[in-house]
Amino acid sequence: MSQRLDSLDKNILKMISDDARVPFLEVARACNVSGAAIHQRIQKLTNQGVIKGSQFILDPEKIGYETCAYIGLYLKDPGSFDHVVEELKKIPEVVECSYTTGGYDLFIKLYARNNHDLLNIIHDKLQPLGLSRSETIVAFNAVIDRQLPILDE
């Protein structure tokens, strides 16, 4: 369910989604409100779940992960969804996991040090979870990687 956002909320979200390190006072000046008002709005948006946090984004390749892969998982027992998801959470290389439509039971994104490491992750960490099979797509380069735009209703 989408939240009702007024123009101040939208302006704040546009600024902080472009640069999470922008000082609140700079946001306040750009929005013509006090720094306290920005703090209150950020807290409100966080409490509503509109803002899920902030983080530093690491470049996987620069920290040793050369291979990015998307893997469609087919489970032997579709009733084991919850167990498999809990086990996937324990594999640090898995950075996303989604339930999807189509043939896959689950769709994951993971990073590996290289193709050999990817093969080991699939064989040693994923197959024991109860997969009937998997389909792997190696991504060469993310050419678009961005935040969603703030909608103007």
N, C-alpha and C. Protein backbone atom coordinates (compact mmCIF):
# COMPACT_ATOMS: atom_id res chain seq x y z
N MET A 1 0.84 -1.18 0.00
CA MET A 1 0.00 0.00 0.00
C MET A 1 0.89 1.24 0.00
N SER A 2 0.66 2.16 -0.92
CA SER A 2 1.50 3.34 -0.99
C SER A 2 1.08 4.36 0.06
N GLN A 3 2.07 5.11 0.52
CA GLN A 3 1.85 6.14 1.53
C GLN A 3 1.45 7.44 0.84
N ARG A 4 0.67 8.26 1.54
CA ARG A 4 0.35 9.59 1.06
C ARG A 4 1.55 10.48 1.33
N LEU A 5 2.15 11.00 0.26
CA LEU A 5 3.31 11.86 0.40
C LEU A 5 2.95 13.25 -0.09
N ASP A 6 3.25 14.26 0.74
CA ASP A 6 3.02 15.63 0.28
C ASP A 6 4.26 16.13 -0.46
N SER A 7 4.21 17.35 -0.94
CA SER A 7 5.31 17.86 -1.75
C SER A 7 6.62 17.97 -0.95
N LEU A 8 6.54 18.28 0.34
CA LEU A 8 7.75 18.34 1.15
C LEU A 8 8.37 16.95 1.27
N ASP A 9 7.54 15.94 1.55
CA ASP A 9 8.04 14.56 1.62
C ASP A 9 8.75 14.19 0.32
N LYS A 10 8.12 14.50 -0.81
CA LYS A 10 8.68 14.15 -2.11
C LYS A 10 10.00 14.86 -2.36
N ASN A 11 10.08 16.14 -2.01
CA ASN A 11 11.33 16.88 -2.18
C ASN A 11 12.44 16.29 -1.32
N ILE A 12 12.11 15.96 -0.09
CA ILE A 12 13.10 15.36 0.81
C ILE A 12 13.57 14.03 0.21
N LEU A 13 12.63 13.18 -0.20
CA LEU A 13 12.99 11.87 -0.74
C LEU A 13 13.84 11.98 -2.00
N LYS A 14 13.54 12.95 -2.86
CA LYS A 14 14.34 13.14 -4.07
C LYS A 14 15.78 13.49 -3.69
N MET A 15 15.94 14.38 -2.72
CA MET A 15 17.29 14.81 -2.36
C MET A 15 18.08 13.70 -1.67
N ILE A 16 17.46 13.00 -0.73
CA ILE A 16 18.23 11.99 0.01
C ILE A 16 18.42 10.70 -0.80
N SER A 17 17.54 10.44 -1.78
CA SER A 17 17.76 9.25 -2.60
C SER A 17 18.86 9.49 -3.63
N ASP A 18 19.07 10.76 -4.00
CA ASP A 18 20.20 11.10 -4.88
C ASP A 18 21.52 11.01 -4.13
N ASP A 19 21.51 11.42 -2.85
CA ASP A 19 22.72 11.41 -2.04
C ASP A 19 22.34 11.24 -0.57
N ALA A 20 22.49 10.03 -0.04
CA ALA A 20 22.09 9.75 1.34
C ALA A 20 22.95 10.51 2.35
N ARG A 21 24.05 11.08 1.90
CA ARG A 21 24.94 11.80 2.83
C ARG A 21 24.70 13.31 2.80
N VAL A 22 23.69 13.76 2.07
CA VAL A 22 23.42 15.19 2.01
C VAL A 22 23.04 15.67 3.42
N PRO A 23 23.65 16.75 3.90
CA PRO A 23 23.33 17.24 5.24
C PRO A 23 21.87 17.69 5.33
N PHE A 24 21.24 17.38 6.46
CA PHE A 24 19.84 17.75 6.65
C PHE A 24 19.63 19.25 6.54
N LEU A 25 20.63 20.03 6.97
CA LEU A 25 20.49 21.49 6.87
C LEU A 25 20.45 21.94 5.41
N GLU A 26 21.19 21.25 4.55
CA GLU A 26 21.14 21.56 3.11
C GLU A 26 19.76 21.22 2.55
N VAL A 27 19.20 20.10 2.97
CA VAL A 27 17.84 19.71 2.56
C VAL A 27 16.85 20.75 3.07
N ALA A 28 17.02 21.18 4.32
CA ALA A 28 16.11 22.18 4.90
C ALA A 28 16.14 23.48 4.12
N ARG A 29 17.35 23.94 3.77
CA ARG A 29 17.47 25.19 2.99
C ARG A 29 16.79 25.05 1.63
N ALA A 30 17.03 23.92 0.96
CA ALA A 30 16.44 23.71 -0.37
C ALA A 30 14.92 23.62 -0.30
N CYS A 31 14.40 23.16 0.84
CA CYS A 31 12.94 22.99 0.98
C CYS A 31 12.28 24.16 1.71
N ASN A 32 13.08 25.16 2.12
CA ASN A 32 12.58 26.33 2.84
C ASN A 32 11.87 25.98 4.15
N VAL A 33 12.44 25.04 4.90
CA VAL A 33 11.92 24.69 6.23
C VAL A 33 13.09 24.58 7.19
N SER A 34 12.79 24.39 8.46
CA SER A 34 13.85 24.28 9.47
C SER A 34 14.49 22.90 9.44
N GLY A 35 15.69 22.85 10.01
CA GLY A 35 16.38 21.56 10.14
C GLY A 35 15.57 20.59 10.99
N ALA A 36 14.90 21.12 12.02
CA ALA A 36 14.07 20.27 12.89
C ALA A 36 12.92 19.66 12.10
N ALA A 37 12.34 20.44 11.17
CA ALA A 37 11.24 19.91 10.35
C ALA A 37 11.72 18.76 9.47
N ILE A 38 12.93 18.88 8.96
CA ILE A 38 13.49 17.80 8.13
C ILE A 38 13.70 16.56 8.98
N HIS A 39 14.27 16.74 10.17
CA HIS A 39 14.47 15.59 11.08
C HIS A 39 13.14 14.91 11.38
N GLN A 40 12.11 15.70 11.67
CA GLN A 40 10.79 15.12 11.98
C GLN A 40 10.22 14.37 10.78
N ARG A 41 10.34 14.95 9.59
CA ARG A 41 9.81 14.29 8.38
C ARG A 41 10.57 12.99 8.08
N ILE A 42 11.88 13.04 8.22
CA ILE A 42 12.69 11.83 7.98
C ILE A 42 12.27 10.74 8.97
N GLN A 43 12.06 11.12 10.22
CA GLN A 43 11.64 10.15 11.24
C GLN A 43 10.25 9.59 10.90
N LYS A 44 9.34 10.47 10.47
CA LYS A 44 7.99 10.03 10.09
C LYS A 44 8.06 9.05 8.91
N LEU A 45 8.84 9.40 7.89
CA LEU A 45 8.97 8.55 6.70
C LEU A 45 9.64 7.21 7.05
N THR A 46 10.55 7.24 7.99
CA THR A 46 11.19 6.00 8.45
C THR A 46 10.19 5.14 9.21
N ASN A 47 9.43 5.76 10.13
CA ASN A 47 8.42 5.02 10.90
C ASN A 47 7.35 4.41 10.00
N GLN A 48 7.02 5.09 8.90
CA GLN A 48 6.02 4.59 7.96
C GLN A 48 6.58 3.50 7.05
N GLY A 49 7.89 3.31 7.09
CA GLY A 49 8.51 2.30 6.23
C GLY A 49 8.81 2.79 4.83
N VAL A 50 8.60 4.09 4.56
CA VAL A 50 8.94 4.65 3.25
C VAL A 50 10.46 4.63 3.08
N ILE A 51 11.16 5.05 4.12
CA ILE A 51 12.63 4.99 4.14
C ILE A 51 13.00 3.74 4.93
N LYS A 52 13.77 2.87 4.31
CA LYS A 52 14.15 1.61 4.95
C LYS A 52 15.55 1.66 5.55
N GLY A 53 16.16 2.80 5.54
CA GLY A 53 17.51 2.93 6.10
C GLY A 53 18.42 3.58 5.09
N SER A 54 19.68 3.68 5.43
CA SER A 54 20.69 4.19 4.51
C SER A 54 21.92 3.31 4.67
N GLN A 55 22.69 3.25 3.61
CA GLN A 55 23.85 2.37 3.65
C GLN A 55 24.91 2.86 2.68
N PHE A 56 26.14 2.43 2.92
CA PHE A 56 27.19 2.65 1.95
C PHE A 56 27.09 1.51 0.95
N ILE A 57 27.22 1.81 -0.32
CA ILE A 57 27.11 0.79 -1.36
C ILE A 57 28.52 0.42 -1.81
N LEU A 58 28.87 -0.83 -1.59
CA LEU A 58 30.20 -1.31 -1.95
C LEU A 58 30.20 -1.81 -3.39
N ASP A 59 31.29 -1.61 -4.08
CA ASP A 59 31.45 -2.14 -5.42
C ASP A 59 31.93 -3.58 -5.28
N PRO A 60 31.08 -4.57 -5.62
CA PRO A 60 31.45 -5.97 -5.41
C PRO A 60 32.79 -6.35 -6.03
N GLU A 61 33.06 -5.85 -7.23
CA GLU A 61 34.30 -6.22 -7.91
C GLU A 61 35.53 -5.72 -7.15
N LYS A 62 35.40 -4.53 -6.55
CA LYS A 62 36.55 -3.94 -5.85
C LYS A 62 36.82 -4.64 -4.51
N ILE A 63 35.87 -5.44 -4.03
CA ILE A 63 36.12 -6.19 -2.79
C ILE A 63 36.26 -7.69 -3.06
N GLY A 64 36.51 -8.03 -4.34
CA GLY A 64 36.88 -9.41 -4.67
C GLY A 64 35.80 -10.29 -5.28
N TYR A 65 34.64 -9.74 -5.60
CA TYR A 65 33.57 -10.55 -6.20
C TYR A 65 33.46 -10.18 -7.68
N GLU A 66 34.04 -11.01 -8.54
CA GLU A 66 34.08 -10.71 -9.97
C GLU A 66 32.86 -11.22 -10.73
N THR A 67 32.14 -12.18 -10.15
CA THR A 67 31.02 -12.80 -10.86
C THR A 67 29.70 -12.50 -10.17
N CYS A 68 28.74 -11.99 -10.96
CA CYS A 68 27.38 -11.77 -10.48
C CYS A 68 26.49 -12.72 -11.25
N ALA A 69 25.61 -13.42 -10.53
CA ALA A 69 24.72 -14.38 -11.20
C ALA A 69 23.31 -14.29 -10.64
N TYR A 70 22.36 -14.54 -11.52
CA TYR A 70 20.95 -14.68 -11.15
C TYR A 70 20.63 -16.15 -11.34
N ILE A 71 20.00 -16.75 -10.34
CA ILE A 71 19.74 -18.19 -10.41
C ILE A 71 18.28 -18.46 -10.09
N GLY A 72 17.63 -19.15 -11.01
CA GLY A 72 16.27 -19.62 -10.79
C GLY A 72 16.34 -20.98 -10.11
N LEU A 73 15.67 -21.11 -8.98
CA LEU A 73 15.71 -22.36 -8.20
C LEU A 73 14.40 -23.11 -8.34
N TYR A 74 14.51 -24.39 -8.59
CA TYR A 74 13.35 -25.30 -8.62
C TYR A 74 13.49 -26.21 -7.41
N LEU A 75 12.51 -26.21 -6.53
CA LEU A 75 12.58 -27.01 -5.31
C LEU A 75 11.97 -28.39 -5.55
N LYS A 76 12.60 -29.41 -4.94
CA LYS A 76 12.02 -30.77 -4.99
C LYS A 76 10.67 -30.77 -4.30
N ASP A 77 10.61 -30.07 -3.16
CA ASP A 77 9.38 -30.00 -2.36
C ASP A 77 8.99 -28.54 -2.20
N PRO A 78 8.01 -28.06 -2.99
CA PRO A 78 7.60 -26.65 -2.88
C PRO A 78 7.12 -26.27 -1.48
N GLY A 79 6.77 -27.24 -0.66
CA GLY A 79 6.37 -26.95 0.71
C GLY A 79 7.54 -26.52 1.59
N SER A 80 8.76 -26.63 1.07
CA SER A 80 9.95 -26.29 1.86
C SER A 80 10.42 -24.85 1.64
N PHE A 81 9.56 -24.01 1.01
CA PHE A 81 9.91 -22.60 0.77
C PHE A 81 10.55 -21.93 1.97
N ASP A 82 9.83 -21.91 3.09
CA ASP A 82 10.29 -21.17 4.27
C ASP A 82 11.64 -21.68 4.75
N HIS A 83 11.81 -23.00 4.78
CA HIS A 83 13.09 -23.58 5.22
C HIS A 83 14.22 -23.17 4.27
N VAL A 84 13.96 -23.24 2.97
CA VAL A 84 14.98 -22.90 1.98
C VAL A 84 15.36 -21.42 2.10
N VAL A 85 14.37 -20.55 2.26
CA VAL A 85 14.67 -19.12 2.41
C VAL A 85 15.53 -18.88 3.64
N GLU A 86 15.21 -19.54 4.75
CA GLU A 86 16.01 -19.39 5.97
C GLU A 86 17.45 -19.84 5.74
N GLU A 87 17.62 -20.92 4.99
CA GLU A 87 18.97 -21.42 4.68
C GLU A 87 19.69 -20.47 3.72
N LEU A 88 18.97 -19.90 2.75
CA LEU A 88 19.58 -18.94 1.82
C LEU A 88 20.09 -17.71 2.56
N LYS A 89 19.38 -17.31 3.62
CA LYS A 89 19.81 -16.16 4.42
C LYS A 89 21.18 -16.40 5.06
N LYS A 90 21.56 -17.65 5.24
CA LYS A 90 22.84 -18.00 5.86
C LYS A 90 23.99 -18.01 4.86
N ILE A 91 23.69 -17.86 3.58
CA ILE A 91 24.73 -17.85 2.54
C ILE A 91 25.04 -16.39 2.22
N PRO A 92 26.17 -15.87 2.68
CA PRO A 92 26.45 -14.44 2.54
C PRO A 92 26.53 -13.95 1.10
N GLU A 93 26.87 -14.81 0.17
CA GLU A 93 26.98 -14.40 -1.23
C GLU A 93 25.61 -14.11 -1.86
N VAL A 94 24.54 -14.64 -1.27
CA VAL A 94 23.18 -14.40 -1.77
C VAL A 94 22.74 -13.03 -1.27
N VAL A 95 22.51 -12.10 -2.22
CA VAL A 95 22.17 -10.72 -1.84
C VAL A 95 20.70 -10.39 -2.07
N GLU A 96 19.99 -11.20 -2.87
CA GLU A 96 18.55 -11.00 -3.09
C GLU A 96 17.90 -12.36 -3.27
N CYS A 97 16.65 -12.44 -2.84
CA CYS A 97 15.85 -13.65 -3.04
C CYS A 97 14.40 -13.21 -3.19
N SER A 98 13.76 -13.69 -4.25
CA SER A 98 12.37 -13.31 -4.51
C SER A 98 11.53 -14.53 -4.85
N TYR A 99 10.27 -14.50 -4.42
CA TYR A 99 9.28 -15.41 -4.95
C TYR A 99 8.85 -14.79 -6.26
N THR A 100 8.68 -15.59 -7.30
CA THR A 100 8.33 -15.03 -8.60
C THR A 100 7.22 -15.83 -9.26
N THR A 101 6.66 -15.25 -10.31
CA THR A 101 5.74 -16.00 -11.16
C THR A 101 6.60 -16.80 -12.14
N GLY A 102 5.95 -17.65 -12.89
CA GLY A 102 6.69 -18.42 -13.88
C GLY A 102 7.15 -19.75 -13.32
N GLY A 103 8.12 -20.33 -13.95
CA GLY A 103 8.54 -21.68 -13.60
C GLY A 103 9.37 -21.81 -12.33
N TYR A 104 10.13 -20.78 -11.98
CA TYR A 104 11.00 -20.88 -10.81
C TYR A 104 10.19 -20.84 -9.52
N ASP A 105 10.67 -21.57 -8.52
CA ASP A 105 10.08 -21.45 -7.19
C ASP A 105 10.64 -20.22 -6.49
N LEU A 106 11.94 -19.99 -6.66
CA LEU A 106 12.63 -18.83 -6.09
C LEU A 106 13.62 -18.30 -7.12
N PHE A 107 13.92 -17.02 -7.04
CA PHE A 107 14.90 -16.41 -7.93
C PHE A 107 15.87 -15.63 -7.06
N ILE A 108 17.16 -15.92 -7.19
CA ILE A 108 18.15 -15.26 -6.33
C ILE A 108 19.20 -14.53 -7.15
N LYS A 109 19.83 -13.58 -6.51
CA LYS A 109 20.99 -12.89 -7.06
C LYS A 109 22.12 -13.16 -6.09
N LEU A 110 23.28 -13.51 -6.65
CA LEU A 110 24.44 -13.74 -5.77
C LEU A 110 25.71 -13.26 -6.43
N TYR A 111 26.72 -13.07 -5.62
CA TYR A 111 28.05 -12.70 -6.09
C TYR A 111 29.02 -13.79 -5.68
N ALA A 112 29.98 -14.06 -6.56
CA ALA A 112 31.02 -15.05 -6.29
C ALA A 112 32.37 -14.44 -6.65
N ARG A 113 33.42 -15.00 -6.08
CA ARG A 113 34.76 -14.46 -6.37
C ARG A 113 35.10 -14.60 -7.86
N ASN A 114 34.68 -15.72 -8.45
CA ASN A 114 34.94 -15.99 -9.87
C ASN A 114 34.02 -17.13 -10.29
N ASN A 115 34.14 -17.59 -11.53
CA ASN A 115 33.26 -18.65 -12.03
C ASN A 115 33.46 -19.96 -11.27
N HIS A 116 34.69 -20.27 -10.90
CA HIS A 116 34.95 -21.49 -10.13
C HIS A 116 34.26 -21.42 -8.77
N ASP A 117 34.35 -20.28 -8.13
CA ASP A 117 33.67 -20.08 -6.84
C ASP A 117 32.16 -20.19 -7.02
N LEU A 118 31.63 -19.65 -8.12
CA LEU A 118 30.19 -19.75 -8.40
C LEU A 118 29.78 -21.23 -8.48
N LEU A 119 30.55 -22.02 -9.19
CA LEU A 119 30.25 -23.45 -9.30
C LEU A 119 30.25 -24.11 -7.92
N ASN A 120 31.21 -23.76 -7.07
CA ASN A 120 31.27 -24.33 -5.72
C ASN A 120 30.06 -23.91 -4.88
N ILE A 121 29.64 -22.65 -5.00
CA ILE A 121 28.47 -22.18 -4.24
C ILE A 121 27.23 -22.96 -4.68
N ILE A 122 27.06 -23.12 -5.99
CA ILE A 122 25.90 -23.86 -6.49
C ILE A 122 25.95 -25.30 -6.00
N HIS A 123 27.09 -25.95 -6.14
CA HIS A 123 27.22 -27.37 -5.79
C HIS A 123 27.18 -27.61 -4.29
N ASP A 124 27.93 -26.80 -3.53
CA ASP A 124 28.12 -27.07 -2.10
C ASP A 124 27.08 -26.40 -1.19
N LYS A 125 26.54 -25.25 -1.63
CA LYS A 125 25.63 -24.51 -0.76
C LYS A 125 24.18 -24.53 -1.22
N LEU A 126 23.95 -24.49 -2.53
CA LEU A 126 22.57 -24.43 -3.03
C LEU A 126 21.96 -25.81 -3.24
N GLN A 127 22.66 -26.72 -3.90
CA GLN A 127 22.09 -28.04 -4.18
C GLN A 127 21.64 -28.78 -2.92
N PRO A 128 22.39 -28.72 -1.81
CA PRO A 128 21.94 -29.43 -0.59
C PRO A 128 20.64 -28.89 0.02
N LEU A 129 20.13 -27.75 -0.48
CA LEU A 129 18.90 -27.18 0.07
C LEU A 129 17.65 -27.92 -0.41
N GLY A 130 17.83 -28.87 -1.31
CA GLY A 130 16.68 -29.61 -1.80
C GLY A 130 16.19 -29.11 -3.15
N LEU A 131 17.13 -28.80 -4.03
CA LEU A 131 16.77 -28.34 -5.37
C LEU A 131 16.61 -29.53 -6.30
N SER A 132 15.60 -29.46 -7.15
CA SER A 132 15.52 -30.46 -8.20
C SER A 132 16.46 -30.04 -9.33
N ARG A 133 16.56 -28.71 -9.54
CA ARG A 133 17.52 -28.16 -10.49
C ARG A 133 17.57 -26.65 -10.33
N SER A 134 18.48 -26.04 -11.07
CA SER A 134 18.59 -24.58 -11.06
C SER A 134 19.01 -24.12 -12.46
N GLU A 135 18.73 -22.86 -12.75
CA GLU A 135 19.17 -22.24 -14.00
C GLU A 135 19.93 -20.98 -13.64
N THR A 136 21.15 -20.88 -14.15
CA THR A 136 22.03 -19.76 -13.81
C THR A 136 22.25 -18.84 -14.99
N ILE A 137 22.13 -17.55 -14.73
CA ILE A 137 22.43 -16.52 -15.72
C ILE A 137 23.55 -15.66 -15.12
N VAL A 138 24.68 -15.59 -15.80
CA VAL A 138 25.77 -14.75 -15.33
C VAL A 138 25.59 -13.37 -15.94
N ALA A 139 25.66 -12.35 -15.08
CA ALA A 139 25.53 -10.96 -15.52
C ALA A 139 26.94 -10.40 -15.76
N PHE A 140 27.16 -9.84 -16.94
CA PHE A 140 28.48 -9.28 -17.24
C PHE A 140 28.66 -7.91 -16.63
N ASN A 141 27.62 -7.07 -16.71
CA ASN A 141 27.76 -5.70 -16.23
C ASN A 141 26.37 -5.09 -16.06
N ALA A 142 26.12 -4.48 -14.91
CA ALA A 142 24.85 -3.79 -14.69
C ALA A 142 24.95 -2.42 -15.36
N VAL A 143 24.19 -2.21 -16.42
CA VAL A 143 24.28 -0.95 -17.14
C VAL A 143 23.31 0.10 -16.60
N ILE A 144 22.30 -0.35 -15.84
CA ILE A 144 21.40 0.57 -15.13
C ILE A 144 21.27 0.05 -13.71
N ASP A 145 21.55 0.90 -12.75
CA ASP A 145 21.44 0.54 -11.33
C ASP A 145 21.10 1.82 -10.59
N ARG A 146 19.81 2.00 -10.26
CA ARG A 146 19.37 3.28 -9.72
C ARG A 146 18.19 3.12 -8.77
N GLN A 147 17.88 4.20 -8.08
CA GLN A 147 16.69 4.29 -7.24
C GLN A 147 15.49 4.57 -8.14
N LEU A 148 14.31 4.20 -7.65
CA LEU A 148 13.08 4.54 -8.38
C LEU A 148 12.79 6.03 -8.26
N PRO A 149 12.15 6.62 -9.26
CA PRO A 149 11.79 8.04 -9.15
C PRO A 149 10.62 8.21 -8.18
N ILE A 150 10.53 9.39 -7.58
CA ILE A 150 9.41 9.72 -6.70
C ILE A 150 8.26 10.15 -7.60
N LEU A 151 7.11 9.49 -7.47
CA LEU A 151 5.98 9.76 -8.34
C LEU A 151 5.29 11.07 -7.99
N ASP A 152 4.93 11.81 -9.01
CA ASP A 152 4.10 13.00 -8.85
C ASP A 152 2.69 12.59 -9.27
N GLU A 153 1.75 12.61 -8.31
CA GLU A 153 0.38 12.17 -8.63
C GLU A 153 -0.37 13.20 -9.40
